[in-house]
Structures are given as C-alpha cells and as structure tokens.
PDB file of all heavy atoms in Angstrom:
ATOM      1  N   ASP A   1      -1.733   7.372  -8.159  1.00  0.00           N
ATOM      2  CA  ASP A   1      -1.608   8.452  -9.233  1.00  0.00           C
ATOM      3  C   ASP A   1      -2.637   7.943 -10.368  1.00  0.00           C
ATOM      4  O   ASP A   1      -3.136   6.952 -10.327  1.00  0.00           O
ATOM      5  CB  ASP A   1      -0.237   8.522  -9.761  1.00  0.00           C
ATOM      6  CG  ASP A   1       0.160   9.761 -10.480  1.00  0.00           C
ATOM      7  OD1 ASP A   1      -0.792  10.571 -10.694  1.00  0.00           O
ATOM      8  OD2 ASP A   1       1.361   9.887 -10.895  1.00  0.00           O
ATOM      9  N   PHE A   2      -2.743   8.761 -11.285  1.00  0.00           N
ATOM     10  CA  PHE A   2      -3.591   8.480 -12.439  1.00  0.00           C
ATOM     11  C   PHE A   2      -3.054   7.121 -13.131  1.00  0.00           C
ATOM     12  O   PHE A   2      -1.961   6.992 -13.378  1.00  0.00           O
ATOM     13  CB  PHE A   2      -3.478   9.605 -13.536  1.00  0.00           C
ATOM     14  CG  PHE A   2      -4.518   9.449 -14.621  1.00  0.00           C
ATOM     15  CD1 PHE A   2      -5.877   9.665 -14.364  1.00  0.00           C
ATOM     16  CD2 PHE A   2      -4.132   9.195 -16.028  1.00  0.00           C
ATOM     17  CE1 PHE A   2      -6.790   9.572 -15.210  1.00  0.00           C
ATOM     18  CE2 PHE A   2      -5.032   9.084 -16.840  1.00  0.00           C
ATOM     19  CZ  PHE A   2      -6.441   9.253 -16.618  1.00  0.00           C
ATOM     20  N   ASP A   3      -3.932   6.191 -13.305  1.00  0.00           N
ATOM     21  CA  ASP A   3      -3.687   4.801 -13.888  1.00  0.00           C
ATOM     22  C   ASP A   3      -2.796   3.930 -12.963  1.00  0.00           C
ATOM     23  O   ASP A   3      -2.108   3.073 -13.416  1.00  0.00           O
ATOM     24  CB  ASP A   3      -2.999   4.914 -15.194  1.00  0.00           C
ATOM     25  CG  ASP A   3      -3.820   5.666 -16.224  1.00  0.00           C
ATOM     26  OD1 ASP A   3      -5.140   5.623 -16.128  1.00  0.00           O
ATOM     27  OD2 ASP A   3      -3.281   6.058 -17.227  1.00  0.00           O
ATOM     28  N   HIS A   4      -2.654   4.262 -11.642  1.00  0.00           N
ATOM     29  CA  HIS A   4      -1.812   3.548 -10.793  1.00  0.00           C
ATOM     30  C   HIS A   4      -2.590   3.126  -9.526  1.00  0.00           C
ATOM     31  O   HIS A   4      -2.412   3.632  -8.423  1.00  0.00           O
ATOM     32  CB  HIS A   4      -0.587   4.353 -10.342  1.00  0.00           C
ATOM     33  CG  HIS A   4       0.369   4.523 -11.519  1.00  0.00           C
ATOM     34  ND1 HIS A   4       0.202   5.377 -12.433  1.00  0.00           N
ATOM     35  CD2 HIS A   4       1.533   3.769 -11.705  1.00  0.00           C
ATOM     36  CE1 HIS A   4       1.314   5.326 -13.256  1.00  0.00           C
ATOM     37  NE2 HIS A   4       2.035   4.427 -12.909  1.00  0.00           N
ATOM     38  N   PRO A   5      -3.522   2.088  -9.643  1.00  0.00           N
ATOM     39  CA  PRO A   5      -4.300   1.589  -8.407  1.00  0.00           C
ATOM     40  C   PRO A   5      -3.408   0.851  -7.621  1.00  0.00           C
ATOM     41  O   PRO A   5      -2.628  -0.065  -8.047  1.00  0.00           O
ATOM     42  CB  PRO A   5      -5.324   0.892  -9.060  1.00  0.00           C
ATOM     43  CG  PRO A   5      -5.039   0.477 -10.454  1.00  0.00           C
ATOM     44  CD  PRO A   5      -3.867   1.519 -10.915  1.00  0.00           C
ATOM     45  N   VAL A   6      -3.483   0.915  -6.193  1.00  0.00           N
ATOM     46  CA  VAL A   6      -2.723   0.167  -5.315  1.00  0.00           C
ATOM     47  C   VAL A   6      -3.654  -0.455  -4.259  1.00  0.00           C
ATOM     48  O   VAL A   6      -4.537   0.139  -3.866  1.00  0.00           O
ATOM     49  CB  VAL A   6      -1.840   1.248  -4.480  1.00  0.00           C
ATOM     50  CG1 VAL A   6      -1.088   0.601  -3.312  1.00  0.00           C
ATOM     51  CG2 VAL A   6      -0.826   1.882  -5.262  1.00  0.00           C
ATOM     52  N   ILE A   7      -3.280  -1.904  -4.018  1.00  0.00           N
ATOM     53  CA  ILE A   7      -4.077  -2.602  -3.049  1.00  0.00           C
ATOM     54  C   ILE A   7      -3.360  -2.454  -1.840  1.00  0.00           C
ATOM     55  O   ILE A   7      -2.194  -2.584  -1.632  1.00  0.00           O
ATOM     56  CB  ILE A   7      -4.084  -4.028  -3.385  1.00  0.00           C
ATOM     57  CG1 ILE A   7      -4.643  -4.274  -4.790  1.00  0.00           C
ATOM     58  CG2 ILE A   7      -4.840  -4.851  -2.392  1.00  0.00           C
ATOM     59  CD1 ILE A   7      -4.451  -5.772  -5.339  1.00  0.00           C
ATOM     60  N   ILE A   8      -4.238  -2.000  -0.787  1.00  0.00           N
ATOM     61  CA  ILE A   8      -3.564  -1.756   0.624  1.00  0.00           C
ATOM     62  C   ILE A   8      -3.284  -3.203   1.129  1.00  0.00           C
ATOM     63  O   ILE A   8      -4.318  -3.949   1.424  1.00  0.00           O
ATOM     64  CB  ILE A   8      -4.515  -0.934   1.392  1.00  0.00           C
ATOM     65  CG1 ILE A   8      -4.627   0.452   0.895  1.00  0.00           C
ATOM     66  CG2 ILE A   8      -3.898  -0.933   2.872  1.00  0.00           C
ATOM     67  CD1 ILE A   8      -5.659   1.361   1.522  1.00  0.00           C
ATOM     68  N   MET A   9      -2.118  -3.467   1.439  1.00  0.00           N
ATOM     69  CA  MET A   9      -1.757  -4.768   2.078  1.00  0.00           C
ATOM     70  C   MET A   9      -1.457  -4.635   3.595  1.00  0.00           C
ATOM     71  O   MET A   9      -1.698  -5.614   4.328  1.00  0.00           O
ATOM     72  CB  MET A   9      -0.403  -5.176   1.294  1.00  0.00           C
ATOM     73  CG  MET A   9      -0.436  -5.316  -0.041  1.00  0.00           C
ATOM     74  SD  MET A   9      -1.785  -6.418  -0.615  1.00  0.00           S
ATOM     75  CE  MET A   9      -1.027  -7.918  -0.202  1.00  0.00           C
ATOM     76  N   GLN A  10      -1.012  -3.544   4.120  1.00  0.00           N
ATOM     77  CA  GLN A  10      -0.859  -3.287   5.476  1.00  0.00           C
ATOM     78  C   GLN A  10      -1.203  -1.955   5.875  1.00  0.00           C
ATOM     79  O   GLN A  10      -0.748  -0.908   5.106  1.00  0.00           O
ATOM     80  CB  GLN A  10       0.624  -3.593   5.877  1.00  0.00           C
ATOM     81  CG  GLN A  10       0.967  -3.509   7.277  1.00  0.00           C
ATOM     82  CD  GLN A  10       2.488  -3.819   7.477  1.00  0.00           C
ATOM     83  OE1 GLN A  10       3.317  -3.889   6.649  1.00  0.00           O
ATOM     84  NE2 GLN A  10       2.735  -3.910   8.795  1.00  0.00           N
ATOM     85  N   LEU A  11      -1.876  -1.724   6.966  1.00  0.00           N
ATOM     86  CA  LEU A  11      -2.254  -0.342   7.452  1.00  0.00           C
ATOM     87  C   LEU A  11      -2.202  -0.356   8.832  1.00  0.00           C
ATOM     88  O   LEU A  11      -2.646  -1.102   9.625  1.00  0.00           O
ATOM     89  CB  LEU A  11      -3.730  -0.064   6.875  1.00  0.00           C
ATOM     90  CG  LEU A  11      -4.359   1.159   7.100  1.00  0.00           C
ATOM     91  CD1 LEU A  11      -5.113   1.600   5.872  1.00  0.00           C
ATOM     92  CD2 LEU A  11      -5.266   1.210   8.306  1.00  0.00           C
ATOM     93  N   ASN A  12      -1.492   0.710   9.395  1.00  0.00           N
ATOM     94  CA  ASN A  12      -1.292   0.945  10.793  1.00  0.00           C
ATOM     95  C   ASN A  12      -1.716   2.370  11.145  1.00  0.00           C
ATOM     96  O   ASN A  12      -1.296   3.261  10.497  1.00  0.00           O
ATOM     97  CB  ASN A  12       0.186   0.756  11.241  1.00  0.00           C
ATOM     98  CG  ASN A  12       0.687  -0.737  10.931  1.00  0.00           C
ATOM     99  OD1 ASN A  12      -0.077  -1.707  11.371  1.00  0.00           O
ATOM    100  ND2 ASN A  12       1.801  -0.846  10.279  1.00  0.00           N
ATOM    101  N   SER A  13      -2.480   2.452  12.176  1.00  0.00           N
ATOM    102  CA  SER A  13      -2.918   3.774  12.865  1.00  0.00           C
ATOM    103  C   SER A  13      -2.250   4.021  14.117  1.00  0.00           C
ATOM    104  O   SER A  13      -2.514   3.216  15.010  1.00  0.00           O
ATOM    105  CB  SER A  13      -4.361   3.869  12.913  1.00  0.00           C
ATOM    106  OG  SER A  13      -5.032   3.785  11.622  1.00  0.00           O
ATOM    107  N   ALA A  14      -1.420   4.983  14.259  1.00  0.00           N
ATOM    108  CA  ALA A  14      -0.783   5.334  15.537  1.00  0.00           C
ATOM    109  C   ALA A  14      -0.394   6.689  15.653  1.00  0.00           C
ATOM    110  O   ALA A  14      -0.014   7.268  14.587  1.00  0.00           O
ATOM    111  CB  ALA A  14       0.455   4.211  15.796  1.00  0.00           C
ATOM    112  N   ARG A  15      -0.458   7.223  16.817  1.00  0.00           N
ATOM    113  CA  ARG A  15      -0.048   8.620  17.092  1.00  0.00           C
ATOM    114  C   ARG A  15      -0.549   9.605  16.130  1.00  0.00           C
ATOM    115  O   ARG A  15       0.287  10.504  15.554  1.00  0.00           O
ATOM    116  CB  ARG A  15       1.493   8.711  17.167  1.00  0.00           C
ATOM    117  CG  ARG A  15       2.041   7.904  18.347  1.00  0.00           C
ATOM    118  CD  ARG A  15       3.484   8.153  18.523  1.00  0.00           C
ATOM    119  NE  ARG A  15       4.030   6.867  19.037  1.00  0.00           N
ATOM    120  CZ  ARG A  15       4.974   6.204  18.316  1.00  0.00           C
ATOM    121  NH1 ARG A  15       5.402   6.591  17.063  1.00  0.00           N
ATOM    122  NH2 ARG A  15       5.441   5.056  18.738  1.00  0.00           N
ATOM    123  N   GLY A  16      -1.726   9.475  15.646  1.00  0.00           N
ATOM    124  CA  GLY A  16      -2.340  10.591  14.850  1.00  0.00           C
ATOM    125  C   GLY A  16      -1.930  10.464  13.301  1.00  0.00           C
ATOM    126  O   GLY A  16      -2.081  11.405  12.571  1.00  0.00           O
ATOM    127  N   SER A  17      -1.531   9.307  13.008  1.00  0.00           N
ATOM    128  CA  SER A  17      -1.140   9.088  11.599  1.00  0.00           C
ATOM    129  C   SER A  17      -1.507   7.702  11.103  1.00  0.00           C
ATOM    130  O   SER A  17      -1.735   6.794  11.845  1.00  0.00           O
ATOM    131  CB  SER A  17       0.372   9.401  11.291  1.00  0.00           C
ATOM    132  OG  SER A  17       1.131   8.323  11.976  1.00  0.00           O
ATOM    133  N   VAL A  18      -1.578   7.534   9.818  1.00  0.00           N
ATOM    134  CA  VAL A  18      -1.962   6.288   9.031  1.00  0.00           C
ATOM    135  C   VAL A  18      -0.908   5.926   8.203  1.00  0.00           C
ATOM    136  O   VAL A  18      -0.503   6.771   7.253  1.00  0.00           O
ATOM    137  CB  VAL A  18      -3.291   6.362   8.323  1.00  0.00           C
ATOM    138  CG1 VAL A  18      -3.591   5.063   7.633  1.00  0.00           C
ATOM    139  CG2 VAL A  18      -4.441   6.779   9.180  1.00  0.00           C
ATOM    140  N   THR A  19      -0.202   4.825   8.384  1.00  0.00           N
ATOM    141  CA  THR A  19       0.846   4.314   7.588  1.00  0.00           C
ATOM    142  C   THR A  19       0.452   3.201   6.757  1.00  0.00           C
ATOM    143  O   THR A  19      -0.316   2.296   7.111  1.00  0.00           O
ATOM    144  CB  THR A  19       2.112   3.808   8.445  1.00  0.00           C
ATOM    145  OG1 THR A  19       2.473   4.832   9.412  1.00  0.00           O
ATOM    146  CG2 THR A  19       3.246   3.373   7.704  1.00  0.00           C
ATOM    147  N   ILE A  20       0.622   3.375   5.355  1.00  0.00           N
ATOM    148  CA  ILE A  20       0.041   2.444   4.360  1.00  0.00           C
ATOM    149  C   ILE A  20       1.222   1.736   3.604  1.00  0.00           C
ATOM    150  O   ILE A  20       2.194   2.396   3.091  1.00  0.00           O
ATOM    151  CB  ILE A  20      -0.890   3.266   3.449  1.00  0.00           C
ATOM    152  CG1 ILE A  20      -2.028   3.832   4.273  1.00  0.00           C
ATOM    153  CG2 ILE A  20      -1.426   2.214   2.304  1.00  0.00           C
ATOM    154  CD1 ILE A  20      -2.951   4.696   3.342  1.00  0.00           C
ATOM    155  N   HIS A  21       1.074   0.503   3.460  1.00  0.00           N
ATOM    156  CA  HIS A  21       2.075  -0.310   2.594  1.00  0.00           C
ATOM    157  C   HIS A  21       1.017  -1.014   1.530  1.00  0.00           C
ATOM    158  O   HIS A  21      -0.027  -1.429   1.906  1.00  0.00           O
ATOM    159  CB  HIS A  21       2.743  -1.347   3.280  1.00  0.00           C
ATOM    160  CG  HIS A  21       3.835  -0.806   4.190  1.00  0.00           C
ATOM    161  ND1 HIS A  21       3.542  -0.278   5.478  1.00  0.00           N
ATOM    162  CD2 HIS A  21       5.204  -0.707   4.022  1.00  0.00           C
ATOM    163  CE1 HIS A  21       4.768   0.159   6.011  1.00  0.00           C
ATOM    164  NE2 HIS A  21       5.715  -0.102   5.149  1.00  0.00           N
ATOM    165  N   GLY A  22       1.588  -1.156   0.352  1.00  0.00           N
ATOM    166  CA  GLY A  22       0.739  -1.774  -0.734  1.00  0.00           C
ATOM    167  C   GLY A  22       1.356  -2.251  -1.896  1.00  0.00           C
ATOM    168  O   GLY A  22       2.692  -2.244  -1.899  1.00  0.00           O
ATOM    169  N   ASN A  23       0.600  -2.811  -2.852  1.00  0.00           N
ATOM    170  CA  ASN A  23       1.115  -3.340  -4.166  1.00  0.00           C
ATOM    171  C   ASN A  23       0.335  -2.734  -5.206  1.00  0.00           C
ATOM    172  O   ASN A  23      -0.907  -2.503  -5.018  1.00  0.00           O
ATOM    173  CB  ASN A  23       1.047  -4.797  -4.207  1.00  0.00           C
ATOM    174  CG  ASN A  23       2.009  -5.588  -3.384  1.00  0.00           C
ATOM    175  OD1 ASN A  23       2.902  -5.082  -2.705  1.00  0.00           O
ATOM    176  ND2 ASN A  23       1.767  -6.837  -3.160  1.00  0.00           N
ATOM    177  N   TYR A  24       0.945  -2.479  -6.353  1.00  0.00           N
ATOM    178  CA  TYR A  24       0.078  -2.121  -7.557  1.00  0.00           C
ATOM    179  C   TYR A  24      -0.794  -3.379  -7.960  1.00  0.00           C
ATOM    180  O   TYR A  24      -0.330  -4.447  -7.604  1.00  0.00           O
ATOM    181  CB  TYR A  24       0.897  -1.754  -8.662  1.00  0.00           C
ATOM    182  CG  TYR A  24       1.600  -0.370  -8.549  1.00  0.00           C
ATOM    183  CD1 TYR A  24       3.031  -0.303  -8.552  1.00  0.00           C
ATOM    184  CD2 TYR A  24       0.874   0.795  -8.390  1.00  0.00           C
ATOM    185  CE1 TYR A  24       3.723   0.881  -8.363  1.00  0.00           C
ATOM    186  CE2 TYR A  24       1.600   1.908  -8.215  1.00  0.00           C
ATOM    187  CZ  TYR A  24       2.852   2.031  -8.255  1.00  0.00           C
ATOM    188  OH  TYR A  24       3.576   3.196  -8.094  1.00  0.00           O
ATOM    189  N   VAL A  25      -1.957  -3.103  -8.575  1.00  0.00           N
ATOM    190  CA  VAL A  25      -2.801  -4.239  -8.830  1.00  0.00           C
ATOM    191  C   VAL A  25      -2.136  -5.258  -9.724  1.00  0.00           C
ATOM    192  O   VAL A  25      -2.326  -6.408  -9.645  1.00  0.00           O
ATOM    193  CB  VAL A  25      -4.074  -3.765  -9.383  1.00  0.00           C
ATOM    194  CG1 VAL A  25      -4.880  -2.947  -8.457  1.00  0.00           C
ATOM    195  CG2 VAL A  25      -3.955  -3.049 -10.648  1.00  0.00           C
ATOM    196  N   TRP A  26      -1.228  -4.683 -10.552  1.00  0.00           N
ATOM    197  CA  TRP A  26      -0.567  -5.745 -11.573  1.00  0.00           C
ATOM    198  C   TRP A  26       0.587  -6.544 -10.809  1.00  0.00           C
ATOM    199  O   TRP A  26       1.144  -7.723 -11.395  1.00  0.00           O
ATOM    200  CB  TRP A  26       0.027  -5.074 -12.697  1.00  0.00           C
ATOM    201  CG  TRP A  26       0.967  -3.909 -12.422  1.00  0.00           C
ATOM    202  CD1 TRP A  26       2.358  -3.940 -12.192  1.00  0.00           C
ATOM    203  CD2 TRP A  26       0.712  -2.571 -12.378  1.00  0.00           C
ATOM    204  NE1 TRP A  26       2.802  -2.790 -11.968  1.00  0.00           N
ATOM    205  CE2 TRP A  26       1.767  -1.766 -12.045  1.00  0.00           C
ATOM    206  CE3 TRP A  26      -0.564  -1.830 -12.467  1.00  0.00           C
ATOM    207  CZ2 TRP A  26       1.808  -0.514 -11.917  1.00  0.00           C
ATOM    208  CZ3 TRP A  26      -0.526  -0.460 -12.461  1.00  0.00           C
ATOM    209  CH2 TRP A  26       0.682   0.213 -12.137  1.00  0.00           C
ATOM    210  N   GLU A  27       0.899  -6.212  -9.540  1.00  0.00           N
ATOM    211  CA  GLU A  27       1.863  -6.923  -8.835  1.00  0.00           C
ATOM    212  C   GLU A  27       1.312  -8.091  -8.040  1.00  0.00           C
ATOM    213  O   GLU A  27       2.012  -9.023  -7.494  1.00  0.00           O
ATOM    214  CB  GLU A  27       2.620  -6.014  -7.773  1.00  0.00           C
ATOM    215  CG  GLU A  27       3.539  -4.975  -8.353  1.00  0.00           C
ATOM    216  CD  GLU A  27       4.132  -4.140  -7.311  1.00  0.00           C
ATOM    217  OE1 GLU A  27       3.444  -3.530  -6.440  1.00  0.00           O
ATOM    218  OE2 GLU A  27       5.339  -3.951  -7.513  1.00  0.00           O
ATOM    219  N   ARG A  28      -0.106  -8.049  -7.990  1.00  0.00           N
ATOM    220  CA  ARG A  28      -0.835  -8.975  -7.177  1.00  0.00           C
ATOM    221  C   ARG A  28      -0.314  -9.070  -5.719  1.00  0.00           C
ATOM    222  O   ARG A  28       0.344  -8.206  -5.250  1.00  0.00           O
ATOM    223  CB  ARG A  28      -0.807 -10.398  -7.838  1.00  0.00           C
ATOM    224  CG  ARG A  28      -1.277 -10.411  -9.172  1.00  0.00           C
ATOM    225  CD  ARG A  28      -2.731 -10.333  -9.299  1.00  0.00           C
ATOM    226  NE  ARG A  28      -3.167 -10.481 -10.741  1.00  0.00           N
ATOM    227  CZ  ARG A  28      -4.364 -10.345 -11.178  1.00  0.00           C
ATOM    228  NH1 ARG A  28      -5.250  -9.994 -10.225  1.00  0.00           N
ATOM    229  NH2 ARG A  28      -4.698 -10.346 -12.352  1.00  0.00           N
ATOM    230  N   ALA A  29      -0.394 -10.193  -5.057  1.00  0.00           N
ATOM    231  CA  ALA A  29       0.014 -10.261  -3.593  1.00  0.00           C
ATOM    232  C   ALA A  29       1.341 -11.022  -3.574  1.00  0.00           C
ATOM    233  O   ALA A  29       1.830 -11.370  -2.511  1.00  0.00           O
ATOM    234  CB  ALA A  29      -0.963 -10.963  -2.772  1.00  0.00           C
ATOM    235  N   THR A  30       2.025 -11.337  -4.806  1.00  0.00           N
ATOM    236  CA  THR A  30       3.242 -12.053  -4.754  1.00  0.00           C
ATOM    237  C   THR A  30       4.393 -11.320  -4.390  1.00  0.00           C
ATOM    238  O   THR A  30       5.308 -11.967  -3.711  1.00  0.00           O
ATOM    239  CB  THR A  30       3.335 -12.685  -6.250  1.00  0.00           C
ATOM    240  OG1 THR A  30       3.453 -11.614  -7.129  1.00  0.00           O
ATOM    241  CG2 THR A  30       2.271 -13.663  -6.546  1.00  0.00           C
ATOM    242  N   GLY A  31       4.477 -10.040  -4.617  1.00  0.00           N
ATOM    243  CA  GLY A  31       5.614  -9.267  -4.353  1.00  0.00           C
ATOM    244  C   GLY A  31       5.413  -8.765  -2.887  1.00  0.00           C
ATOM    245  O   GLY A  31       4.399  -8.731  -2.304  1.00  0.00           O
ATOM    246  N   LYS A  32       6.651  -8.370  -2.451  1.00  0.00           N
ATOM    247  CA  LYS A  32       6.763  -7.630  -1.133  1.00  0.00           C
ATOM    248  C   LYS A  32       6.004  -6.273  -1.186  1.00  0.00           C
ATOM    249  O   LYS A  32       6.252  -5.519  -2.047  1.00  0.00           O
ATOM    250  CB  LYS A  32       8.181  -7.470  -0.705  1.00  0.00           C
ATOM    251  CG  LYS A  32       8.372  -6.915   0.662  1.00  0.00           C
ATOM    252  CD  LYS A  32       9.742  -6.758   1.116  1.00  0.00           C
ATOM    253  CE  LYS A  32       9.773  -6.146   2.471  1.00  0.00           C
ATOM    254  NZ  LYS A  32      11.234  -5.978   2.951  1.00  0.00           N
ATOM    255  N   SER A  33       5.152  -6.035  -0.251  1.00  0.00           N
ATOM    256  CA  SER A  33       4.418  -4.709  -0.325  1.00  0.00           C
ATOM    257  C   SER A  33       5.528  -3.507   0.020  1.00  0.00           C
ATOM    258  O   SER A  33       6.547  -3.783   0.605  1.00  0.00           O
ATOM    259  CB  SER A  33       3.354  -4.649   0.648  1.00  0.00           C
ATOM    260  OG  SER A  33       3.801  -4.817   2.016  1.00  0.00           O
ATOM    261  N   TRP A  34       5.206  -2.389  -0.581  1.00  0.00           N
ATOM    262  CA  TRP A  34       6.115  -1.259  -0.398  1.00  0.00           C
ATOM    263  C   TRP A  34       5.428  -0.076   0.422  1.00  0.00           C
ATOM    264  O   TRP A  34       4.194  -0.120   0.548  1.00  0.00           O
ATOM    265  CB  TRP A  34       6.745  -0.846  -1.669  1.00  0.00           C
ATOM    266  CG  TRP A  34       5.762  -0.735  -2.866  1.00  0.00           C
ATOM    267  CD1 TRP A  34       5.363  -1.784  -3.753  1.00  0.00           C
ATOM    268  CD2 TRP A  34       4.821   0.298  -3.057  1.00  0.00           C
ATOM    269  NE1 TRP A  34       4.372  -1.347  -4.562  1.00  0.00           N
ATOM    270  CE2 TRP A  34       3.960  -0.076  -4.198  1.00  0.00           C
ATOM    271  CE3 TRP A  34       4.617   1.503  -2.643  1.00  0.00           C
ATOM    272  CZ2 TRP A  34       2.955   0.682  -4.742  1.00  0.00           C
ATOM    273  CZ3 TRP A  34       3.706   2.384  -3.129  1.00  0.00           C
ATOM    274  CH2 TRP A  34       2.828   1.861  -4.198  1.00  0.00           C
ATOM    275  N   PHE A  35       6.087   0.764   0.869  1.00  0.00           N
ATOM    276  CA  PHE A  35       5.647   1.940   1.689  1.00  0.00           C
ATOM    277  C   PHE A  35       5.074   2.939   0.790  1.00  0.00           C
ATOM    278  O   PHE A  35       5.732   3.616  -0.081  1.00  0.00           O
ATOM    279  CB  PHE A  35       6.890   2.579   2.456  1.00  0.00           C
ATOM    280  CG  PHE A  35       6.543   3.747   3.205  1.00  0.00           C
ATOM    281  CD1 PHE A  35       5.970   3.586   4.494  1.00  0.00           C
ATOM    282  CD2 PHE A  35       6.986   5.001   2.925  1.00  0.00           C
ATOM    283  CE1 PHE A  35       5.598   4.656   5.262  1.00  0.00           C
ATOM    284  CE2 PHE A  35       6.692   6.086   3.553  1.00  0.00           C
ATOM    285  CZ  PHE A  35       5.950   5.962   4.824  1.00  0.00           C
ATOM    286  N   LEU A  36       3.786   3.039   0.934  1.00  0.00           N
ATOM    287  CA  LEU A  36       3.047   4.174   0.102  1.00  0.00           C
ATOM    288  C   LEU A  36       3.152   5.438   0.767  1.00  0.00           C
ATOM    289  O   LEU A  36       3.322   6.592   0.174  1.00  0.00           O
ATOM    290  CB  LEU A  36       1.609   3.761   0.048  1.00  0.00           C
ATOM    291  CG  LEU A  36       0.756   4.766  -0.736  1.00  0.00           C
ATOM    292  CD1 LEU A  36       1.153   4.965  -2.208  1.00  0.00           C
ATOM    293  CD2 LEU A  36      -0.763   4.271  -0.784  1.00  0.00           C
ATOM    294  N   GLY A  37       3.178   5.508   2.068  1.00  0.00           N
ATOM    295  CA  GLY A  37       3.303   6.810   2.821  1.00  0.00           C
ATOM    296  C   GLY A  37       2.705   6.767   4.299  1.00  0.00           C
ATOM    297  O   GLY A  37       2.101   5.856   4.626  1.00  0.00           O
TER     298      GLY A  37
END
C-alpha cells in the first residue's frame, strides 16, 4: 500500500497462482513473515 514496502521472504508458484509471504521493511528479517496473498 502507499508507504508500506514489503520484502518478499517466501514465494511459491503452483497451480496457476503465486503465494507471497513477506515482512515490512521496518520489521527486517527478524520477525516471522506473514501472508501477503
């Protein structure tokens, strides 16, 4: 979203879709990544 950059931490492509998990840039890589969509 506006002012909400997300680092992609995990990406899976399967069955015609792309599943993305990430962290906001201010979370760094220390937190558990969350489901972007």
